Amino acid sequence: MTPPEPTFRYAEHEDITDLLAIDNAWPHSPHWTRTQYETELAWERSVVLVAESEGRVRGFAVVWLIPPEAQLAAIAVRPEAAGQGLGRSLLRRIHEEARLGGCSVVTLEVSHRNAAARHLYETEGYITVGRRPTYYADGSDAVLMDLNLPAG
């Protein structure tokens, strides 16, 4: 059965419980605290988007808009929504937010062990620009990736 098309909206304080649950479901997510999500919602440079379907938050993304760069800080979907294109849709919405915010490049870092995320970013046009050895708590390297946004 095909999942219903998600709707996207800016996150609200009431969404934090869902963000925490989605974040904590994945080993490579940032595992932020409630306070960190509250800070993101209050910071004028942070855009927190949620993807919703059937009245339930299915995924989210956080991007920091610091023109001319945007930094993808977090992106995750519920495990049962993985592999259905929701992460790609969220990523593309983040690209739109970055363009609207005056950014021409999106940067990110991802664990070298997170092959699924790296594949998603590569198929969306991101290129590897560097590496931070043993960056994450589990000892994995951070792969630094950039995407130059097309004008328009």
Foldseek 3Di string as FASTA:
>chain_A
DAADFWDKDFDDLVCLVVQQVQQVVDPFHPNDDSVVVVVLSPDPQKTKMFTDDPRDTFWIWIWGADPQEIETRGIGGHPVCPPNCPRVVRVVVVLVVNLVSNYFKYKYKGFPPCVVVVVSCVVVPKDFDDKAALPDPVRTIITMIMDGRDHD
